[in-house]
């Protein structure tokens, strides 16, 4: 994971950091969604793609 970073130039890395920070800032305040793990827009900033969790495969809160 994150091997793509090894091939990036300094300028590319700075651009990526700015993009990720902007995404995190956009989700810093509560989104109004009651599920704390439901942030597909934030997940979309990562190079690896994962399917959003549903009630059927959400972590057990016991």
N, C-alpha and C. Protein backbone atom coordinates (compact mmCIF):
# COMPACT_ATOMS: atom_id res chain seq x y z
N UNK A 1 0.85 -1.17 0.00
CA UNK A 1 0.00 0.00 0.00
C UNK A 1 0.90 1.24 0.00
N UNK A 2 0.51 2.25 -0.64
CA UNK A 2 1.22 3.53 -0.73
C UNK A 2 2.52 3.47 -1.53
N UNK A 3 2.72 2.40 -2.30
CA UNK A 3 3.93 2.31 -3.12
C UNK A 3 3.94 3.37 -4.23
N UNK A 4 2.77 3.87 -4.57
CA UNK A 4 2.69 4.90 -5.61
C UNK A 4 3.42 6.17 -5.19
N UNK A 5 3.54 6.39 -3.89
CA UNK A 5 4.22 7.59 -3.39
C UNK A 5 5.71 7.59 -3.72
N UNK A 6 6.31 6.41 -3.79
CA UNK A 6 7.75 6.31 -4.06
C UNK A 6 8.13 6.91 -5.41
N UNK A 7 7.23 6.85 -6.37
CA UNK A 7 7.53 7.33 -7.71
C UNK A 7 7.14 8.80 -7.91
N UNK A 8 6.56 9.43 -6.92
CA UNK A 8 6.09 10.81 -7.07
C UNK A 8 7.21 11.81 -6.82
N UNK A 9 7.18 12.87 -7.59
CA UNK A 9 8.14 13.96 -7.38
C UNK A 9 7.72 14.78 -6.16
N UNK A 10 8.58 15.65 -5.73
CA UNK A 10 8.25 16.52 -4.59
C UNK A 10 7.00 17.33 -4.88
N UNK A 11 6.91 17.90 -6.08
CA UNK A 11 5.74 18.69 -6.44
C UNK A 11 4.47 17.85 -6.45
N UNK A 12 4.59 16.61 -6.96
CA UNK A 12 3.43 15.71 -6.96
C UNK A 12 3.00 15.39 -5.53
N UNK A 13 3.97 15.15 -4.65
CA UNK A 13 3.66 14.85 -3.25
C UNK A 13 2.98 16.04 -2.57
N UNK A 14 3.48 17.23 -2.82
CA UNK A 14 2.86 18.42 -2.24
C UNK A 14 1.43 18.59 -2.73
N UNK A 15 1.22 18.35 -4.01
CA UNK A 15 -0.12 18.44 -4.57
C UNK A 15 -1.05 17.42 -3.92
N UNK A 16 -0.55 16.21 -3.71
CA UNK A 16 -1.34 15.16 -3.07
C UNK A 16 -1.68 15.52 -1.62
N UNK A 17 -0.72 16.06 -0.89
CA UNK A 17 -0.96 16.49 0.49
C UNK A 17 -2.03 17.57 0.53
N UNK A 18 -1.95 18.53 -0.36
CA UNK A 18 -2.96 19.60 -0.39
C UNK A 18 -4.35 19.05 -0.71
N UNK A 19 -4.42 18.10 -1.64
CA UNK A 19 -5.69 17.49 -2.02
C UNK A 19 -6.28 16.72 -0.82
N UNK A 20 -5.45 15.95 -0.14
CA UNK A 20 -5.93 15.18 1.01
C UNK A 20 -6.35 16.10 2.16
N UNK A 21 -5.57 17.13 2.41
CA UNK A 21 -5.95 18.08 3.47
C UNK A 21 -7.28 18.75 3.16
N UNK A 22 -7.49 19.11 1.91
CA UNK A 22 -8.77 19.73 1.53
C UNK A 22 -9.92 18.77 1.78
N UNK A 23 -9.72 17.49 1.45
CA UNK A 23 -10.75 16.50 1.68
C UNK A 23 -11.04 16.29 3.15
N UNK A 24 -9.99 16.24 3.95
CA UNK A 24 -10.16 16.06 5.39
C UNK A 24 -10.85 17.29 5.99
N UNK A 25 -10.46 18.48 5.56
CA UNK A 25 -11.11 19.69 6.07
C UNK A 25 -12.59 19.72 5.72
N UNK A 26 -12.94 19.22 4.53
CA UNK A 26 -14.34 19.21 4.12
C UNK A 26 -15.17 18.29 5.01
N UNK A 27 -14.53 17.32 5.66
CA UNK A 27 -15.24 16.36 6.51
C UNK A 27 -14.91 16.53 7.99
N UNK A 28 -14.23 17.60 8.32
CA UNK A 28 -13.83 17.82 9.71
C UNK A 28 -15.05 18.00 10.61
N UNK A 29 -16.01 18.76 10.13
CA UNK A 29 -17.23 18.98 10.90
C UNK A 29 -18.20 17.85 10.61
N UNK A 30 -19.11 17.58 11.52
CA UNK A 30 -20.06 16.48 11.31
C UNK A 30 -20.79 16.62 9.98
N UNK A 31 -20.96 15.49 9.32
CA UNK A 31 -21.60 15.50 8.01
C UNK A 31 -23.11 15.38 8.11
N UNK A 32 -23.62 15.16 9.32
CA UNK A 32 -25.05 14.99 9.49
C UNK A 32 -25.47 13.54 9.38
N UNK A 33 -24.56 12.69 8.89
CA UNK A 33 -24.85 11.27 8.80
C UNK A 33 -24.58 10.66 10.17
N UNK A 34 -25.46 9.85 10.67
CA UNK A 34 -25.34 9.33 12.02
C UNK A 34 -24.30 8.22 12.16
N UNK A 35 -23.75 7.73 11.07
CA UNK A 35 -22.78 6.65 11.13
C UNK A 35 -21.38 7.23 11.01
N UNK A 36 -20.61 7.14 12.07
CA UNK A 36 -19.30 7.78 12.10
C UNK A 36 -18.34 7.21 11.06
N UNK A 37 -18.56 5.97 10.61
CA UNK A 37 -17.66 5.35 9.64
C UNK A 37 -18.11 5.57 8.21
N UNK A 38 -19.19 6.30 8.00
CA UNK A 38 -19.74 6.48 6.66
C UNK A 38 -19.21 7.78 6.05
N UNK A 39 -18.07 7.72 5.40
CA UNK A 39 -17.47 8.88 4.74
C UNK A 39 -16.91 8.47 3.39
N UNK A 40 -17.78 8.03 2.46
CA UNK A 40 -17.28 7.57 1.16
C UNK A 40 -16.50 8.64 0.39
N UNK A 41 -16.85 9.90 0.55
CA UNK A 41 -16.10 10.95 -0.15
C UNK A 41 -14.68 11.03 0.39
N UNK A 42 -14.51 10.84 1.68
CA UNK A 42 -13.19 10.84 2.29
C UNK A 42 -12.41 9.60 1.86
N UNK A 43 -13.08 8.45 1.82
CA UNK A 43 -12.42 7.22 1.37
C UNK A 43 -11.95 7.37 -0.06
N UNK A 44 -12.68 8.10 -0.87
CA UNK A 44 -12.33 8.28 -2.27
C UNK A 44 -11.01 9.00 -2.48
N UNK A 45 -10.49 9.64 -1.45
CA UNK A 45 -9.20 10.32 -1.57
C UNK A 45 -8.03 9.35 -1.51
N UNK A 46 -8.27 8.13 -1.04
CA UNK A 46 -7.21 7.14 -0.94
C UNK A 46 -7.05 6.40 -2.27
N UNK A 47 -5.83 5.98 -2.58
CA UNK A 47 -5.61 5.30 -3.85
C UNK A 47 -6.30 3.94 -3.92
N UNK A 48 -6.44 3.26 -2.77
CA UNK A 48 -7.13 1.98 -2.79
C UNK A 48 -8.63 2.20 -2.67
N UNK A 49 -9.39 1.43 -3.38
CA UNK A 49 -10.84 1.59 -3.37
C UNK A 49 -11.47 0.48 -2.54
N UNK A 50 -12.42 0.86 -1.69
CA UNK A 50 -13.15 -0.12 -0.88
C UNK A 50 -14.64 0.15 -1.05
N UNK A 51 -15.41 -0.89 -0.93
CA UNK A 51 -16.86 -0.74 -1.03
C UNK A 51 -17.38 -0.13 0.27
N UNK A 52 -18.30 0.83 0.17
CA UNK A 52 -18.90 1.40 1.39
C UNK A 52 -19.60 0.31 2.19
N UNK A 53 -19.51 0.41 3.49
CA UNK A 53 -20.18 -0.54 4.38
C UNK A 53 -21.67 -0.23 4.42
N UNK A 54 -22.45 -1.28 4.58
CA UNK A 54 -23.88 -1.13 4.76
C UNK A 54 -24.24 -1.67 6.13
N UNK A 55 -25.50 -1.59 6.51
CA UNK A 55 -25.91 -2.15 7.79
C UNK A 55 -25.60 -3.64 7.88
N UNK A 56 -25.57 -4.32 6.73
CA UNK A 56 -25.31 -5.76 6.71
C UNK A 56 -23.86 -6.11 7.00
N UNK A 57 -22.92 -5.21 6.68
CA UNK A 57 -21.51 -5.54 6.91
C UNK A 57 -20.80 -4.49 7.76
N UNK A 58 -21.56 -3.72 8.53
CA UNK A 58 -20.98 -2.71 9.42
C UNK A 58 -20.32 -3.41 10.61
N UNK A 59 -19.33 -2.76 11.22
CA UNK A 59 -18.68 -3.36 12.38
C UNK A 59 -19.68 -3.53 13.52
N UNK A 60 -19.51 -4.60 14.26
CA UNK A 60 -20.37 -4.87 15.40
C UNK A 60 -20.01 -3.91 16.53
N UNK A 61 -20.99 -3.19 17.04
CA UNK A 61 -20.75 -2.14 18.05
C UNK A 61 -20.88 -2.65 19.47
N UNK A 62 -20.80 -3.97 19.66
CA UNK A 62 -20.92 -4.51 21.01
C UNK A 62 -19.81 -4.11 21.91
